[in-house]
């Protein structure tokens, strides 16, 4: 029995999986990333609102998109917050927004550090270069978010304006989750490949990114039920309850991102996933 268990563990490289999991230190990393994300929420919303205003997307469309993609409990907290921030008049992309976006890039710098920790390697680049790369990644994520919002806003209008009615295209154009899912897959694959110092094979990265997306979908689906029952005791204190909801949600999202990289590192130990 013991020999069979050891053989199974060796076959599935479970010791390596446990090693990567311990290195990730998710119990500490998740709250850290959640904290930085919470602090960076306002500048990120300002940046998205500023650029969206330049291309003619109004705040109601952004709020509608968020409400359709997030768990109800998170949307209930986040959508009014976003609406309040966007009312402040961020119609132009000012130098101040760029500076605040730079400060928000600390999230990705932290995630990069954690990814390298999974592989037990030191980042050979200095802190400034790492921060610049994180800033570029933040711009990429911002651009992707804007593209998804713009697509969900304008594609149905474009399809309706076609001289020939195509019901299939009309149905697809109204599915914002489809654009979000495709963009999420591409971004996570690039994110998981480029961010850490150690580069795994694309097969491992793509497979790990798919696992990551499945975990994100599960978290999104389950979090509403969790928040409904586990957080009902803080419902009386509205501000405290809102803070707890966002922090727990960001914590779970951060944990899934790190777990995705752990899966990719583990898959890289199998011959079929080698470069």
Protein backbone atom coordinates (compact mmCIF):
# COMPACT_ATOMS: atom_id res chain seq x y z
CA UNK A 1 0.00 0.00 0.00
CA UNK A 2 2.81 2.38 0.96
CA UNK A 3 4.78 1.43 -2.14
CA UNK A 4 1.72 2.08 -4.32
CA UNK A 5 1.22 5.49 -2.72
CA UNK A 6 4.89 6.39 -3.22
CA UNK A 7 4.72 5.24 -6.82
CA UNK A 8 1.63 7.35 -7.46
CA UNK A 9 3.25 10.37 -5.83
CA UNK A 10 6.35 9.92 -7.95
CA UNK A 11 4.33 9.43 -11.14
CA UNK A 12 2.33 12.61 -10.61
CA UNK A 13 5.31 14.59 -9.28
CA UNK A 14 3.42 15.42 -6.09
CA UNK A 15 6.57 16.24 -4.07
CA UNK A 16 7.44 18.92 -6.64
CA UNK A 17 3.88 20.26 -6.51
CA UNK A 18 4.04 20.54 -2.72
CA UNK A 19 7.43 22.21 -2.96
CA UNK A 20 6.14 24.88 -5.36
CA UNK A 21 3.05 25.37 -3.22
CA UNK A 22 5.12 25.93 -0.07
CA UNK A 23 7.36 28.41 -1.88
CA UNK A 24 4.33 30.38 -3.03
CA UNK A 25 3.29 31.04 0.60
CA UNK A 26 -0.24 31.83 -0.55
CA UNK A 27 -1.55 32.49 2.96
CA UNK A 28 0.71 35.56 3.15
CA UNK A 29 0.89 36.54 -0.51
CA UNK A 30 -2.87 36.68 -1.14
CA UNK A 31 -3.58 39.32 1.53
CA UNK A 32 -0.54 41.37 0.44
CA UNK A 33 -1.65 41.54 -3.19
CA UNK A 34 -5.24 42.20 -2.07
CA UNK A 35 -4.01 45.13 0.02
CA UNK A 36 -2.11 46.69 -2.88
CA UNK A 37 -5.06 46.10 -5.19
CA UNK A 38 -7.43 47.82 -2.79
CA UNK A 39 -5.11 50.83 -2.48
CA UNK A 40 -4.74 51.01 -6.28
CA UNK A 41 -8.46 50.73 -7.02
CA UNK A 42 -9.11 54.47 -7.31
CA UNK A 43 -6.19 55.26 -9.69
CA UNK A 44 -7.08 52.27 -11.86
CA UNK A 45 -10.70 53.36 -12.14
CA UNK A 46 -9.59 56.93 -12.86
CA UNK A 47 -7.31 55.70 -15.65
CA UNK A 48 -9.98 53.53 -17.27
CA UNK A 49 -12.56 56.31 -16.95
CA UNK A 50 -10.20 58.90 -18.43
CA UNK A 51 -9.35 56.88 -21.53
CA UNK A 52 -12.91 55.59 -21.92
CA UNK A 53 -14.14 59.19 -21.92
CA UNK A 54 -11.80 60.00 -24.81
CA UNK A 55 -13.33 57.28 -26.99
CA UNK A 56 -16.93 58.10 -26.10
CA UNK A 57 -17.71 55.38 -23.57
CA UNK A 58 -19.71 56.79 -20.66
CA UNK A 59 -19.64 55.70 -17.03
CA UNK A 60 -23.01 53.91 -17.23
CA UNK A 61 -21.62 51.50 -19.82
CA UNK A 62 -18.59 50.80 -17.62
CA UNK A 63 -20.86 50.18 -14.63
CA UNK A 64 -23.12 47.90 -16.66
CA UNK A 65 -20.12 45.87 -17.84
CA UNK A 66 -18.79 45.49 -14.28
CA UNK A 67 -22.21 44.46 -12.99
CA UNK A 68 -22.43 41.71 -15.62
CA UNK A 69 -18.95 40.28 -14.96
CA UNK A 70 -18.60 40.40 -11.16
CA UNK A 71 -20.35 38.44 -8.39
CA UNK A 72 -23.44 40.27 -7.17
CA UNK A 73 -21.97 41.07 -3.74
CA UNK A 74 -18.81 42.55 -5.25
CA UNK A 75 -20.73 44.46 -7.93
CA UNK A 76 -23.05 45.86 -5.24
CA UNK A 77 -20.00 47.42 -3.57
CA UNK A 78 -17.79 48.20 -6.55
CA UNK A 79 -20.25 49.67 -9.06
CA UNK A 80 -21.39 52.58 -6.81
CA UNK A 81 -17.73 53.22 -5.95
CA UNK A 82 -16.75 53.35 -9.63
CA UNK A 83 -19.71 55.61 -10.40
CA UNK A 84 -18.68 57.97 -7.61
CA UNK A 85 -15.08 58.13 -8.82
CA UNK A 86 -16.03 58.71 -12.45
CA UNK A 87 -18.32 61.59 -11.46
CA UNK A 88 -15.20 63.51 -10.53
CA UNK A 89 -14.61 64.47 -14.14
CA UNK A 90 -11.70 62.42 -15.46
CA UNK A 91 -12.47 63.07 -19.10
CA UNK A 92 -8.84 63.65 -20.08
CA UNK A 93 -5.80 61.50 -19.48
CA UNK A 94 -3.79 63.84 -17.28
CA UNK A 95 -0.27 63.56 -15.99
CA UNK A 96 -1.70 62.91 -12.54
CA UNK A 97 -3.44 59.76 -13.77
CA UNK A 98 -0.17 58.47 -15.23
CA UNK A 99 1.53 59.04 -11.87
CA UNK A 100 -1.22 57.23 -9.98
CA UNK A 101 -1.07 54.39 -12.50
CA UNK A 102 2.66 54.15 -11.80
CA UNK A 103 1.90 53.69 -8.11
CA UNK A 104 -0.70 51.05 -8.98
CA UNK A 105 1.96 49.03 -10.82
CA UNK A 106 3.24 47.93 -7.39
CA UNK A 107 0.61 45.16 -7.63
CA UNK A 108 2.33 43.56 -10.61
CA UNK A 109 5.79 44.10 -9.12
CA UNK A 110 4.64 42.12 -6.09
CA UNK A 111 3.13 39.36 -8.25
CA UNK A 112 6.37 39.12 -10.27
CA UNK A 113 8.32 38.73 -7.04
CA UNK A 114 5.99 35.95 -5.90
CA UNK A 115 6.24 34.13 -9.24
CA UNK A 116 10.03 34.17 -8.98
CA UNK A 117 9.73 32.94 -5.41
CA UNK A 118 7.81 29.89 -6.70
CA UNK A 119 10.84 28.98 -8.85
CA UNK A 120 13.26 29.93 -6.05
CA UNK A 121 15.16 32.38 -8.25
CA UNK A 122 16.27 35.94 -7.72
CA UNK A 123 15.13 38.70 -10.03
CA UNK A 124 18.24 39.70 -11.97
CA UNK A 125 16.78 43.08 -12.91
CA UNK A 126 17.01 46.03 -10.56
CA UNK A 127 13.97 47.47 -8.82
CA UNK A 128 13.51 50.36 -11.25
CA UNK A 129 13.45 48.12 -14.33
CA UNK A 130 11.04 45.75 -12.59
CA UNK A 131 8.77 48.68 -11.76
CA UNK A 132 8.93 49.97 -15.36
CA UNK A 133 8.00 46.52 -16.69
CA UNK A 134 5.15 46.35 -14.18
CA UNK A 135 3.99 49.79 -15.34
CA UNK A 136 3.99 48.60 -18.97
CA UNK A 137 1.99 45.55 -17.95
CA UNK A 138 -0.46 47.82 -16.15
CA UNK A 139 -0.90 49.79 -19.38
CA UNK A 140 -1.50 46.54 -21.28
CA UNK A 141 -4.16 45.47 -18.76
CA UNK A 142 -5.73 48.92 -18.92
CA UNK A 143 -5.83 48.76 -22.71
CA UNK A 144 -7.36 45.28 -22.65
CA UNK A 145 -10.06 46.42 -20.22
CA UNK A 146 -10.87 49.37 -22.47
CA UNK A 147 -11.00 47.20 -25.59
CA UNK A 148 -13.46 44.84 -23.89
CA UNK A 149 -15.66 47.70 -22.67
CA UNK A 150 -15.59 49.41 -26.08
CA UNK A 151 -16.36 46.13 -27.86
CA UNK A 152 -19.32 45.41 -25.60
CA UNK A 153 -20.60 48.97 -26.16
CA UNK A 154 -20.16 49.44 -29.90
CA UNK A 155 -20.22 45.98 -31.50
CA UNK A 156 -24.00 45.50 -31.14
CA UNK A 157 -24.54 48.90 -32.80
CA UNK A 158 -22.15 48.04 -35.63
CA UNK A 159 -23.84 44.69 -36.26
CA UNK A 160 -27.30 46.30 -36.24
CA UNK A 161 -26.09 48.82 -38.82
CA UNK A 162 -25.06 46.11 -41.30
CA UNK A 163 -27.16 46.11 -44.50
CA UNK A 164 -27.82 42.39 -44.11
CA UNK A 165 -29.32 41.01 -40.92
CA UNK A 166 -27.19 38.22 -39.44
CA UNK A 167 -28.86 36.88 -36.26
CA UNK A 168 -25.79 34.87 -35.26
CA UNK A 169 -23.50 37.92 -35.34
CA UNK A 170 -26.09 39.93 -33.44
CA UNK A 171 -26.24 37.32 -30.69
CA UNK A 172 -22.44 37.05 -30.45
CA UNK A 173 -21.98 40.84 -30.39
CA UNK A 174 -24.14 41.08 -27.27
CA UNK A 175 -22.14 38.49 -25.31
CA UNK A 176 -19.71 40.64 -23.32
CA UNK A 177 -18.57 37.59 -21.36
CA UNK A 178 -17.21 36.11 -24.61
CA UNK A 179 -14.87 39.06 -25.20
CA UNK A 180 -13.89 39.07 -21.54
CA UNK A 181 -13.13 35.34 -21.57
CA UNK A 182 -11.04 35.49 -24.74
CA UNK A 183 -9.11 38.54 -23.55
CA UNK A 184 -8.58 36.94 -20.13
CA UNK A 185 -7.15 33.78 -21.71
CA UNK A 186 -4.71 35.69 -23.94
CA UNK A 187 -3.64 38.05 -21.15
CA UNK A 188 -3.16 35.30 -18.57
CA UNK A 189 -1.11 33.22 -21.01
CA UNK A 190 1.18 36.17 -21.78
CA UNK A 191 1.19 37.19 -18.11
CA UNK A 192 2.21 33.72 -16.89
CA UNK A 193 4.88 33.34 -19.56
CA UNK A 194 6.53 36.77 -19.49
CA UNK A 195 6.31 37.82 -15.84
CA UNK A 196 8.51 35.22 -14.09
CA UNK A 197 12.24 34.92 -14.78
CA UNK A 198 11.93 31.19 -15.52
CA UNK A 199 10.14 30.62 -18.84
CA UNK A 200 8.09 27.44 -19.11
CA UNK A 201 6.94 25.88 -22.37
CA UNK A 202 3.88 27.38 -24.03
CA UNK A 203 2.05 24.08 -23.60
CA UNK A 204 2.49 24.25 -19.83
CA UNK A 205 1.62 27.96 -19.76
CA UNK A 206 -1.56 27.57 -21.82
CA UNK A 207 -2.72 24.52 -19.83
CA UNK A 208 -2.00 26.27 -16.54
CA UNK A 209 -3.81 29.40 -17.73
CA UNK A 210 -6.89 27.35 -18.61
CA UNK A 211 -6.83 25.81 -15.13
CA UNK A 212 -6.49 29.33 -13.73
CA UNK A 213 -9.52 30.57 -15.67
CA UNK A 214 -11.59 27.62 -14.44
CA UNK A 215 -10.59 28.45 -10.85
CA UNK A 216 -11.49 32.11 -11.40
CA UNK A 217 -14.91 31.10 -12.72
CA UNK A 218 -15.45 28.83 -9.72
CA UNK A 219 -14.48 31.64 -7.32
CA UNK A 220 -16.82 34.06 -9.10
CA UNK A 221 -19.67 31.57 -8.91
CA UNK A 222 -19.14 30.52 -5.30
CA UNK A 223 -18.18 33.87 -3.80
CA UNK A 224 -21.73 35.22 -3.95
CA UNK A 225 -23.00 32.37 -1.77
CA UNK A 226 -20.03 32.70 0.58
CA UNK A 227 -20.51 36.43 1.02
CA UNK A 228 -24.25 36.03 1.55
CA UNK A 229 -23.83 33.73 4.56
CA UNK A 230 -20.33 34.36 5.94
CA UNK A 231 -20.53 38.16 5.85
CA UNK A 232 -24.09 38.65 7.05
CA UNK A 233 -22.83 39.52 10.55
CA UNK A 234 -21.09 42.65 9.25
CA UNK A 235 -24.06 43.75 7.17
CA UNK A 236 -25.13 46.23 9.85
CA UNK A 237 -21.87 48.12 9.46
CA UNK A 238 -22.18 48.98 5.79
CA UNK A 239 -18.71 50.50 5.33
CA UNK A 240 -16.98 47.68 7.18
CA UNK A 241 -19.01 45.09 5.27
CA UNK A 242 -18.07 46.64 1.92
CA UNK A 243 -14.40 46.67 2.86
CA UNK A 244 -14.49 43.03 3.95
CA UNK A 245 -16.25 41.95 0.74
CA UNK A 246 -13.66 43.64 -1.50
CA UNK A 247 -10.64 42.48 0.49
CA UNK A 248 -11.79 38.85 0.58
CA UNK A 249 -12.60 38.91 -3.13
CA UNK A 250 -9.24 40.44 -4.07
CA UNK A 251 -7.51 37.95 -1.77
CA UNK A 252 -9.17 35.02 -3.54
CA UNK A 253 -8.33 36.42 -6.98
CA UNK A 254 -4.68 36.92 -5.99
CA UNK A 255 -4.50 33.40 -4.56
CA UNK A 256 -5.82 31.97 -7.82
CA UNK A 257 -3.19 33.89 -9.83
CA UNK A 258 -0.42 32.43 -7.69
CA UNK A 259 -1.96 28.94 -7.80
CA UNK A 260 -1.99 29.21 -11.58
CA UNK A 261 1.77 29.80 -11.63
CA UNK A 262 2.25 26.91 -9.19
CA UNK A 263 0.34 24.65 -11.60
CA UNK A 264 2.46 25.87 -14.53
CA UNK A 265 5.69 25.19 -12.62
CA UNK A 266 4.40 21.72 -11.69
CA UNK A 267 3.34 20.92 -15.26
CA UNK A 268 6.83 21.93 -16.41
CA UNK A 269 8.25 18.94 -14.50
CA UNK A 270 6.50 16.49 -16.86
CA UNK A 271 8.22 15.45 -20.08
CA UNK A 272 5.19 16.19 -22.25
CA UNK A 273 5.30 19.81 -21.06
CA UNK A 274 9.03 20.34 -21.41
CA UNK A 275 10.37 22.90 -23.88
